[in-house]
């Protein structure tokens, strides 16, 4: 393979990777726990919003709210991971 062809392929791969990163930043996923706590993340796994319904808040049971938040974060994180894997599938990137 000649050097020009290799350089062109590298540039195309870089452009594809940049496009994927932009697409992931523009997408969002939601994770939920019992419908009481909802976490929104972008395709990179960055939390962009957190919603807690009033009925989830009980001053006598803070641990329950903490558990709901963790479950919602884990749910959204798993969905963001799946979105990333879908976006990179077929590119020959290890682990994807």
PDB file of N, CA and C in Angstrom:
ATOM      1  N   UNK A   1       0.849  -1.171   0.000  1.00  0.00           N
ATOM      2  CA  UNK A   1       0.000   0.000   0.000  1.00  0.00           C
ATOM      3  C   UNK A   1       0.897   1.238   0.000  1.00  0.00           C
ATOM      4  N   UNK A   2       0.600   2.161  -0.884  1.00  0.00           N
ATOM      5  CA  UNK A   2       1.451   3.356  -0.945  1.00  0.00           C
ATOM      6  C   UNK A   2       1.066   4.357   0.156  1.00  0.00           C
ATOM      7  N   UNK A   3       1.980   5.264   0.409  1.00  0.00           N
ATOM      8  CA  UNK A   3       1.839   6.208   1.516  1.00  0.00           C
ATOM      9  C   UNK A   3       0.653   7.153   1.322  1.00  0.00           C
ATOM     10  N   UNK A   4       0.400   7.597   0.089  1.00  0.00           N
ATOM     11  CA  UNK A   4      -0.726   8.507  -0.170  1.00  0.00           C
ATOM     12  C   UNK A   4      -2.055   7.840   0.161  1.00  0.00           C
ATOM     13  N   UNK A   5      -2.187   6.595  -0.240  1.00  0.00           N
ATOM     14  CA  UNK A   5      -3.427   5.866   0.021  1.00  0.00           C
ATOM     15  C   UNK A   5      -3.613   5.670   1.524  1.00  0.00           C
ATOM     16  N   UNK A   6      -2.554   5.346   2.208  1.00  0.00           N
ATOM     17  CA  UNK A   6      -2.603   5.156   3.655  1.00  0.00           C
ATOM     18  C   UNK A   6      -2.990   6.461   4.360  1.00  0.00           C
ATOM     19  N   UNK A   7      -2.404   7.567   3.943  1.00  0.00           N
ATOM     20  CA  UNK A   7      -2.716   8.870   4.534  1.00  0.00           C
ATOM     21  C   UNK A   7      -4.180   9.241   4.298  1.00  0.00           C
ATOM     22  N   UNK A   8      -4.671   8.936   3.107  1.00  0.00           N
ATOM     23  CA  UNK A   8      -6.067   9.240   2.791  1.00  0.00           C
ATOM     24  C   UNK A   8      -7.001   8.415   3.675  1.00  0.00           C
ATOM     25  N   UNK A   9      -6.670   7.144   3.873  1.00  0.00           N
ATOM     26  CA  UNK A   9      -7.484   6.293   4.731  1.00  0.00           C
ATOM     27  C   UNK A   9      -7.463   6.795   6.177  1.00  0.00           C
ATOM     28  N   UNK A  10      -6.311   7.249   6.621  1.00  0.00           N
ATOM     29  CA  UNK A  10      -6.198   7.777   7.986  1.00  0.00           C
ATOM     30  C   UNK A  10      -7.043   9.043   8.146  1.00  0.00           C
ATOM     31  N   UNK A  11      -7.038   9.897   7.143  1.00  0.00           N
ATOM     32  CA  UNK A  11      -7.841  11.115   7.196  1.00  0.00           C
ATOM     33  C   UNK A  11      -9.334  10.772   7.215  1.00  0.00           C
ATOM     34  N   UNK A  12      -9.728   9.783   6.411  1.00  0.00           N
ATOM     35  CA  UNK A  12     -11.131   9.371   6.381  1.00  0.00           C
ATOM     36  C   UNK A  12     -11.552   8.795   7.732  1.00  0.00           C
ATOM     37  N   UNK A  13     -10.685   8.016   8.351  1.00  0.00           N
ATOM     38  CA  UNK A  13     -10.985   7.441   9.662  1.00  0.00           C
ATOM     39  C   UNK A  13     -11.122   8.545  10.706  1.00  0.00           C
ATOM     40  N   UNK A  14     -10.258   9.542  10.642  1.00  0.00           N
ATOM     41  CA  UNK A  14     -10.326  10.661  11.585  1.00  0.00           C
ATOM     42  C   UNK A  14     -11.619  11.449  11.392  1.00  0.00           C
ATOM     43  N   UNK A  15     -12.011  11.677  10.153  1.00  0.00           N
ATOM     44  CA  UNK A  15     -13.259  12.387   9.880  1.00  0.00           C
ATOM     45  C   UNK A  15     -14.452  11.593  10.392  1.00  0.00           C
ATOM     46  N   UNK A  16     -14.427  10.286  10.211  1.00  0.00           N
ATOM     47  CA  UNK A  16     -15.514   9.435  10.694  1.00  0.00           C
ATOM     48  C   UNK A  16     -15.584   9.476  12.217  1.00  0.00           C
ATOM     49  N   UNK A  17     -14.436   9.431  12.875  1.00  0.00           N
ATOM     50  CA  UNK A  17     -14.400   9.479  14.337  1.00  0.00           C
ATOM     51  C   UNK A  17     -14.929  10.815  14.849  1.00  0.00           C
ATOM     52  N   UNK A  18     -14.572  11.900  14.201  1.00  0.00           N
ATOM     53  CA  UNK A  18     -15.049  13.218  14.591  1.00  0.00           C
ATOM     54  C   UNK A  18     -16.566  13.302  14.440  1.00  0.00           C
ATOM     55  N   UNK A  19     -17.074  12.778  13.351  1.00  0.00           N
ATOM     56  CA  UNK A  19     -18.528  12.775  13.109  1.00  0.00           C
ATOM     57  C   UNK A  19     -19.249  11.973  14.187  1.00  0.00           C
ATOM     58  N   UNK A  20     -18.698  10.819  14.544  1.00  0.00           N
ATOM     59  CA  UNK A  20     -19.304   9.988  15.583  1.00  0.00           C
ATOM     60  C   UNK A  20     -19.345  10.751  16.905  1.00  0.00           C
ATOM     61  N   UNK A  21     -18.253  11.418  17.261  1.00  0.00           N
ATOM     62  CA  UNK A  21     -18.206  12.180  18.516  1.00  0.00           C
ATOM     63  C   UNK A  21     -19.247  13.297  18.517  1.00  0.00           C
ATOM     64  N   UNK A  22     -19.410  13.974  17.399  1.00  0.00           N
ATOM     65  CA  UNK A  22     -20.412  15.037  17.299  1.00  0.00           C
ATOM     66  C   UNK A  22     -21.821  14.467  17.413  1.00  0.00           C
ATOM     67  N   UNK A  23     -22.059  13.335  16.748  1.00  0.00           N
ATOM     68  CA  UNK A  23     -23.374  12.694  16.806  1.00  0.00           C
ATOM     69  C   UNK A  23     -23.707  12.255  18.230  1.00  0.00           C
ATOM     70  N   UNK A  24     -22.730  11.674  18.928  1.00  0.00           N
ATOM     71  CA  UNK A  24     -22.961  11.218  20.301  1.00  0.00           C
ATOM     72  C   UNK A  24     -23.270  12.396  21.229  1.00  0.00           C
ATOM     73  N   UNK A  25     -22.594  13.505  21.037  1.00  0.00           N
ATOM     74  CA  UNK A  25     -22.835  14.680  21.871  1.00  0.00           C
ATOM     75  C   UNK A  25     -24.251  15.221  21.670  1.00  0.00           C
ATOM     76  N   UNK A  26     -24.797  15.049  20.465  1.00  0.00           N
ATOM     77  CA  UNK A  26     -26.119  15.577  20.151  1.00  0.00           C
ATOM     78  C   UNK A  26     -27.254  14.653  20.589  1.00  0.00           C
ATOM     79  N   UNK A  27     -26.944  13.396  20.880  1.00  0.00           N
ATOM     80  CA  UNK A  27     -27.979  12.439  21.272  1.00  0.00           C
ATOM     81  C   UNK A  27     -28.112  12.398  22.781  1.00  0.00           C
ATOM     82  N   UNK A  28     -29.289  11.957  23.241  1.00  0.00           N
ATOM     83  CA  UNK A  28     -29.475  11.818  24.676  1.00  0.00           C
ATOM     84  C   UNK A  28     -30.244  10.541  24.979  1.00  0.00           C
ATOM     85  N   UNK A  29     -30.033  10.052  26.178  1.00  0.00           N
ATOM     86  CA  UNK A  29     -30.732   8.871  26.675  1.00  0.00           C
ATOM     87  C   UNK A  29     -31.258   9.203  28.063  1.00  0.00           C
ATOM     88  N   UNK A  30     -32.301   8.483  28.477  1.00  0.00           N
ATOM     89  CA  UNK A  30     -32.857   8.672  29.807  1.00  0.00           C
ATOM     90  C   UNK A  30     -32.816   7.365  30.564  1.00  0.00           C
ATOM     91  N   UNK A  31     -32.460   7.464  31.825  1.00  0.00           N
ATOM     92  CA  UNK A  31     -32.539   6.337  32.733  1.00  0.00           C
ATOM     93  C   UNK A  31     -33.536   6.682  33.811  1.00  0.00           C
ATOM     94  N   UNK A  32     -34.238   5.668  34.291  1.00  0.00           N
ATOM     95  CA  UNK A  32     -35.287   5.932  35.264  1.00  0.00           C
ATOM     96  C   UNK A  32     -35.265   4.885  36.362  1.00  0.00           C
ATOM     97  N   UNK A  33     -35.734   5.291  37.524  1.00  0.00           N
ATOM     98  CA  UNK A  33     -35.895   4.374  38.645  1.00  0.00           C
ATOM     99  C   UNK A  33     -37.312   4.535  39.176  1.00  0.00           C
ATOM    100  N   UNK A  34     -38.122   3.534  38.971  1.00  0.00           N
ATOM    101  CA  UNK A  34     -39.508   3.508  39.455  1.00  0.00           C
ATOM    102  C   UNK A  34     -40.336   4.705  39.003  1.00  0.00           C
ATOM    103  N   UNK A  35     -39.902   5.375  37.956  1.00  0.00           N
ATOM    104  CA  UNK A  35     -40.627   6.546  37.479  1.00  0.00           C
ATOM    105  C   UNK A  35     -40.529   7.743  38.407  1.00  0.00           C
ATOM    106  N   UNK A  36     -39.746   7.605  39.472  1.00  0.00           N
ATOM    107  CA  UNK A  36     -39.632   8.683  40.456  1.00  0.00           C
ATOM    108  C   UNK A  36     -38.404   9.558  40.229  1.00  0.00           C
ATOM    109  N   UNK A  37     -37.358   8.957  39.690  1.00  0.00           N
ATOM    110  CA  UNK A  37     -36.118   9.673  39.406  1.00  0.00           C
ATOM    111  C   UNK A  37     -35.741   9.403  37.956  1.00  0.00           C
ATOM    112  N   UNK A  38     -35.446  10.462  37.228  1.00  0.00           N
ATOM    113  CA  UNK A  38     -35.039  10.336  35.829  1.00  0.00           C
ATOM    114  C   UNK A  38     -33.733  11.081  35.622  1.00  0.00           C
ATOM    115  N   UNK A  39     -32.787  10.388  34.971  1.00  0.00           N
ATOM    116  CA  UNK A  39     -31.488  10.979  34.650  1.00  0.00           C
ATOM    117  C   UNK A  39     -31.366  11.032  33.132  1.00  0.00           C
ATOM    118  N   UNK A  40     -30.963  12.173  32.602  1.00  0.00           N
ATOM    119  CA  UNK A  40     -30.712  12.329  31.182  1.00  0.00           C
ATOM    120  C   UNK A  40     -29.210  12.490  30.978  1.00  0.00           C
ATOM    121  N   UNK A  41     -28.671  11.726  30.011  1.00  0.00           N
ATOM    122  CA  UNK A  41     -27.249  11.805  29.658  1.00  0.00           C
ATOM    123  C   UNK A  41     -27.135  11.999  28.164  1.00  0.00           C
ATOM    124  N   UNK A  42     -26.021  12.632  27.751  1.00  0.00           N
ATOM    125  CA  UNK A  42     -25.754  12.685  26.317  1.00  0.00           C
ATOM    126  C   UNK A  42     -25.069  11.379  25.915  1.00  0.00           C
ATOM    127  N   UNK A  43     -24.776  11.235  24.644  1.00  0.00           N
ATOM    128  CA  UNK A  43     -24.176  10.001  24.143  1.00  0.00           C
ATOM    129  C   UNK A  43     -22.777   9.733  24.652  1.00  0.00           C
ATOM    130  N   UNK A  44     -22.159  10.715  25.292  1.00  0.00           N
ATOM    131  CA  UNK A  44     -20.844  10.526  25.885  1.00  0.00           C
ATOM    132  C   UNK A  44     -20.936  10.075  27.336  1.00  0.00           C
ATOM    133  N   UNK A  45     -22.164   9.995  27.868  1.00  0.00           N
ATOM    134  CA  UNK A  45     -22.348   9.585  29.253  1.00  0.00           C
ATOM    135  C   UNK A  45     -22.292  10.734  30.243  1.00  0.00           C
ATOM    136  N   UNK A  46     -22.355  11.953  29.758  1.00  0.00           N
ATOM    137  CA  UNK A  46     -22.361  13.121  30.633  1.00  0.00           C
ATOM    138  C   UNK A  46     -23.793  13.412  31.070  1.00  0.00           C
ATOM    139  N   UNK A  47     -24.010  13.544  32.387  1.00  0.00           N
ATOM    140  CA  UNK A  47     -25.341  13.847  32.905  1.00  0.00           C
ATOM    141  C   UNK A  47     -25.710  15.267  32.495  1.00  0.00           C
ATOM    142  N   UNK A  48     -26.885  15.390  31.870  1.00  0.00           N
ATOM    143  CA  UNK A  48     -27.344  16.707  31.433  1.00  0.00           C
ATOM    144  C   UNK A  48     -28.583  17.176  32.190  1.00  0.00           C
ATOM    145  N   UNK A  49     -29.273  16.233  32.858  1.00  0.00           N
ATOM    146  CA  UNK A  49     -30.456  16.614  33.636  1.00  0.00           C
ATOM    147  C   UNK A  49     -30.770  15.533  34.664  1.00  0.00           C
ATOM    148  N   UNK A  50     -31.385  15.978  35.756  1.00  0.00           N
ATOM    149  CA  UNK A  50     -31.837  15.083  36.812  1.00  0.00           C
ATOM    150  C   UNK A  50     -33.193  15.577  37.278  1.00  0.00           C
ATOM    151  N   UNK A  51     -34.184  14.686  37.261  1.00  0.00           N
ATOM    152  CA  UNK A  51     -35.536  15.044  37.709  1.00  0.00           C
ATOM    153  C   UNK A  51     -35.920  14.107  38.849  1.00  0.00           C
ATOM    154  N   UNK A  52     -36.427  14.697  39.924  1.00  0.00           N
ATOM    155  CA  UNK A  52     -36.879  13.926  41.076  1.00  0.00           C
ATOM    156  C   UNK A  52     -38.314  14.348  41.383  1.00  0.00           C
ATOM    157  N   UNK A  53     -39.215  13.375  41.349  1.00  0.00           N
ATOM    158  CA  UNK A  53     -40.606  13.686  41.674  1.00  0.00           C
ATOM    159  C   UNK A  53     -40.730  13.897  43.183  1.00  0.00           C
ATOM    160  N   UNK A  54     -41.596  14.817  43.581  1.00  0.00           N
ATOM    161  CA  UNK A  54     -41.744  15.124  45.012  1.00  0.00           C
ATOM    162  C   UNK A  54     -42.045  13.899  45.875  1.00  0.00           C
ATOM    163  N   UNK A  55     -42.809  12.960  45.357  1.00  0.00           N
ATOM    164  CA  UNK A  55     -43.171  11.788  46.158  1.00  0.00           C
ATOM    165  C   UNK A  55     -41.975  10.861  46.422  1.00  0.00           C
ATOM    166  N   UNK A  56     -40.841  11.108  45.747  1.00  0.00           N
ATOM    167  CA  UNK A  56     -39.625  10.325  45.989  1.00  0.00           C
ATOM    168  C   UNK A  56     -38.868  10.835  47.207  1.00  0.00           C
ATOM    169  N   UNK A  57     -39.242  12.017  47.684  1.00  0.00           N
ATOM    170  CA  UNK A  57     -38.509  12.645  48.785  1.00  0.00           C
ATOM    171  C   UNK A  57     -39.227  12.367  50.108  1.00  0.00           C
ATOM    172  N   UNK A  58     -38.528  11.654  50.976  1.00  0.00           N
ATOM    173  CA  UNK A  58     -39.031  11.349  52.310  1.00  0.00           C
ATOM    174  C   UNK A  58     -37.891  11.614  53.281  1.00  0.00           C
ATOM    175  N   UNK A  59     -38.028  12.639  54.093  1.00  0.00           N
ATOM    176  CA  UNK A  59     -36.963  13.024  55.019  1.00  0.00           C
ATOM    177  C   UNK A  59     -36.573  11.887  55.960  1.00  0.00           C
ATOM    178  N   UNK A  60     -37.490  10.961  56.200  1.00  0.00           N
ATOM    179  CA  UNK A  60     -37.199   9.837  57.090  1.00  0.00           C
ATOM    180  C   UNK A  60     -36.547   8.669  56.374  1.00  0.00           C
ATOM    181  N   UNK A  61     -36.420   8.757  55.041  1.00  0.00           N
ATOM    182  CA  UNK A  61     -35.839   7.648  54.278  1.00  0.00           C
ATOM    183  C   UNK A  61     -34.980   8.177  53.135  1.00  0.00           C
ATOM    184  N   UNK A  62     -33.937   8.890  53.481  1.00  0.00           N
ATOM    185  CA  UNK A  62     -33.031   9.461  52.487  1.00  0.00           C
ATOM    186  C   UNK A  62     -32.345   8.366  51.685  1.00  0.00           C
ATOM    187  N   UNK A  63     -32.071   7.231  52.307  1.00  0.00           N
ATOM    188  CA  UNK A  63     -31.398   6.128  51.613  1.00  0.00           C
ATOM    189  C   UNK A  63     -32.203   5.632  50.412  1.00  0.00           C
ATOM    190  N   UNK A  64     -33.513   5.645  50.504  1.00  0.00           N
ATOM    191  CA  UNK A  64     -34.345   5.212  49.374  1.00  0.00           C
ATOM    192  C   UNK A  64     -34.151   6.143  48.184  1.00  0.00           C
ATOM    193  N   UNK A  65     -34.082   7.444  48.429  1.00  0.00           N
ATOM    194  CA  UNK A  65     -33.856   8.408  47.352  1.00  0.00           C
ATOM    195  C   UNK A  65     -32.472   8.212  46.749  1.00  0.00           C
ATOM    196  N   UNK A  66     -31.479   7.996  47.598  1.00  0.00           N
ATOM    197  CA  UNK A  66     -30.127   7.748  47.110  1.00  0.00           C
ATOM    198  C   UNK A  66     -30.104   6.510  46.209  1.00  0.00           C
ATOM    199  N   UNK A  67     -30.792   5.469  46.618  1.00  0.00           N
ATOM    200  CA  UNK A  67     -30.861   4.245  45.810  1.00  0.00           C
ATOM    201  C   UNK A  67     -31.535   4.506  44.459  1.00  0.00           C
ATOM    202  N   UNK A  68     -32.616   5.280  44.479  1.00  0.00           N
ATOM    203  CA  UNK A  68     -33.310   5.606  43.229  1.00  0.00           C
ATOM    204  C   UNK A  68     -32.398   6.374  42.281  1.00  0.00           C
ATOM    205  N   UNK A  69     -31.646   7.317  42.813  1.00  0.00           N
ATOM    206  CA  UNK A  69     -30.728   8.109  41.981  1.00  0.00           C
ATOM    207  C   UNK A  69     -29.653   7.209  41.378  1.00  0.00           C
ATOM    208  N   UNK A  70     -29.088   6.308  42.189  1.00  0.00           N
ATOM    209  CA  UNK A  70     -28.072   5.390  41.671  1.00  0.00           C
ATOM    210  C   UNK A  70     -28.620   4.499  40.566  1.00  0.00           C
ATOM    211  N   UNK A  71     -29.811   3.968  40.763  1.00  0.00           N
ATOM    212  CA  UNK A  71     -30.418   3.096  39.744  1.00  0.00           C
ATOM    213  C   UNK A  71     -30.651   3.868  38.455  1.00  0.00           C
ATOM    214  N   UNK A  72     -31.151   5.091  38.563  1.00  0.00           N
ATOM    215  CA  UNK A  72     -31.400   5.901  37.365  1.00  0.00           C
ATOM    216  C   UNK A  72     -30.095   6.238  36.652  1.00  0.00           C
ATOM    217  N   UNK A  73     -29.040   6.544  37.417  1.00  0.00           N
ATOM    218  CA  UNK A  73     -27.736   6.820  36.811  1.00  0.00           C
ATOM    219  C   UNK A  73     -27.188   5.592  36.094  1.00  0.00           C
ATOM    220  N   UNK A  74     -27.303   4.441  36.717  1.00  0.00           N
ATOM    221  CA  UNK A  74     -26.810   3.208  36.104  1.00  0.00           C
ATOM    222  C   UNK A  74     -27.603   2.865  34.849  1.00  0.00           C
ATOM    223  N   UNK A  75     -28.911   3.079  34.885  1.00  0.00           N
ATOM    224  CA  UNK A  75     -29.756   2.809  33.724  1.00  0.00           C
ATOM    225  C   UNK A  75     -29.371   3.716  32.557  1.00  0.00           C
ATOM    226  N   UNK A  76     -29.230   5.002  32.838  1.00  0.00           N
ATOM    227  CA  UNK A  76     -28.842   5.946  31.774  1.00  0.00           C
ATOM    228  C   UNK A  76     -27.437   5.634  31.270  1.00  0.00           C
ATOM    229  N   UNK A  77     -26.526   5.293  32.164  1.00  0.00           N
ATOM    230  CA  UNK A  77     -25.157   4.960  31.763  1.00  0.00           C
ATOM    231  C   UNK A  77     -25.105   3.756  30.839  1.00  0.00           C
ATOM    232  N   UNK A  78     -25.897   2.743  31.146  1.00  0.00           N
ATOM    233  CA  UNK A  78     -25.943   1.555  30.290  1.00  0.00           C
ATOM    234  C   UNK A  78     -26.480   1.908  28.903  1.00  0.00           C
ATOM    235  N   UNK A  79     -27.472   2.780  28.863  1.00  0.00           N
ATOM    236  CA  UNK A  79     -28.032   3.197  27.576  1.00  0.00           C
ATOM    237  C   UNK A  79     -27.037   4.041  26.785  1.00  0.00           C
ATOM    238  N   UNK A  80     -26.288   4.894  27.471  1.00  0.00           N
ATOM    239  CA  UNK A  80     -25.258   5.696  26.792  1.00  0.00           C
ATOM    240  C   UNK A  80     -24.156   4.787  26.252  1.00  0.00           C
ATOM    241  N   UNK A  81     -23.772   3.770  27.032  1.00  0.00           N
ATOM    242  CA  UNK A  81     -22.767   2.803  26.561  1.00  0.00           C
ATOM    243  C   UNK A  81     -23.247   2.085  25.304  1.00  0.00           C
ATOM    244  N   UNK A  82     -24.516   1.677  25.304  1.00  0.00           N
ATOM    245  CA  UNK A  82     -25.075   0.990  24.139  1.00  0.00           C
ATOM    246  C   UNK A  82     -25.092   1.912  22.922  1.00  0.00           C
ATOM    247  N   UNK A  83     -25.408   3.173  23.144  1.00  0.00           N
ATOM    248  CA  UNK A  83     -25.414   4.157  22.060  1.00  0.00           C
ATOM    249  C   UNK A  83     -24.011   4.305  21.477  1.00  0.00           C
ATOM    250  N   UNK A  84     -22.995   4.347  22.338  1.00  0.00           N
ATOM    251  CA  UNK A  84     -21.612   4.456  21.883  1.00  0.00           C
ATOM    252  C   UNK A  84     -21.202   3.222  21.083  1.00  0.00           C
ATOM    253  N   UNK A  85     -21.584   2.044  21.563  1.00  0.00           N
ATOM    254  CA  UNK A  85     -21.233   0.816  20.845  1.00  0.00           C
ATOM    255  C   UNK A  85     -21.915   0.765  19.487  1.00  0.00           C
ATOM    256  N   UNK A  86     -23.174   1.177  19.435  1.00  0.00           N
ATOM    257  CA  UNK A  86     -23.877   1.207  18.150  1.00  0.00           C
ATOM    258  C   UNK A  86     -23.211   2.178  17.182  1.00  0.00           C
ATOM    259  N   UNK A  87     -22.761   3.318  17.710  1.00  0.00           N
ATOM    260  CA  UNK A  87     -22.163   4.349  16.859  1.00  0.00           C
ATOM    261  C   UNK A  87     -20.823   3.916  16.280  1.00  0.00           C
ATOM    262  N   UNK A  88     -20.093   3.071  16.997  1.00  0.00           N
ATOM    263  CA  UNK A  88     -18.754   2.688  16.546  1.00  0.00           C
ATOM    264  C   UNK A  88     -18.702   1.285  15.945  1.00  0.00           C
ATOM    265  N   UNK A  89     -19.815   0.581  15.944  1.00  0.00           N
ATOM    266  CA  UNK A  89     -19.847  -0.774  15.390  1.00  0.00           C
ATOM    267  C   UNK A  89     -19.445  -0.748  13.900  1.00  0.00           C
ATOM    268  N   UNK A  90     -18.599  -1.645  13.537  1.00  0.00           N
ATOM    269  CA  UNK A  90     -18.203  -1.762  12.141  1.00  0.00           C
ATOM    270  C   UNK A  90     -16.993  -0.929  11.763  1.00  0.00           C
ATOM    271  N   UNK A  91     -16.456  -0.176  12.725  1.00  0.00           N
ATOM    272  CA  UNK A  91     -15.277   0.640  12.399  1.00  0.00           C
ATOM    273  C   UNK A  91     -13.966  -0.072  12.666  1.00  0.00           C
ATOM    274  N   UNK A  92     -14.043  -1.271  13.240  1.00  0.00           N
ATOM    275  CA  UNK A  92     -12.831  -2.004  13.548  1.00  0.00           C
ATOM    276  C   UNK A  92     -12.105  -1.464  14.755  1.00  0.00           C
ATOM    277  N   UNK A  93     -12.830  -0.794  15.642  1.00  0.00           N
ATOM    278  CA  UNK A  93     -12.236  -0.260  16.865  1.00  0.00           C
ATOM    279  C   UNK A  93     -12.281  -1.367  17.918  1.00  0.00           C
ATOM    280  N   UNK A  94     -11.140  -1.706  18.518  1.00  0.00           N
ATOM    281  CA  UNK A  94     -11.143  -2.764  19.526  1.00  0.00           C
ATOM    282  C   UNK A  94     -12.097  -2.472  20.661  1.00  0.00           C
ATOM    283  N   UNK A  95     -12.813  -3.509  21.103  1.00  0.00           N
ATOM    284  CA  UNK A  95     -13.766  -3.361  22.199  1.00  0.00           C
ATOM    285  C   UNK A  95     -15.129  -2.862  21.776  1.00  0.00           C
ATOM    286  N   UNK A  96     -15.341  -2.643  20.489  1.00  0.00           N
ATOM    287  CA  UNK A  96     -16.613  -2.121  20.011  1.00  0.00           C
ATOM    288  C   UNK A  96     -17.336  -3.145  19.171  1.00  0.00           C
TER     289      UNK A  96
END
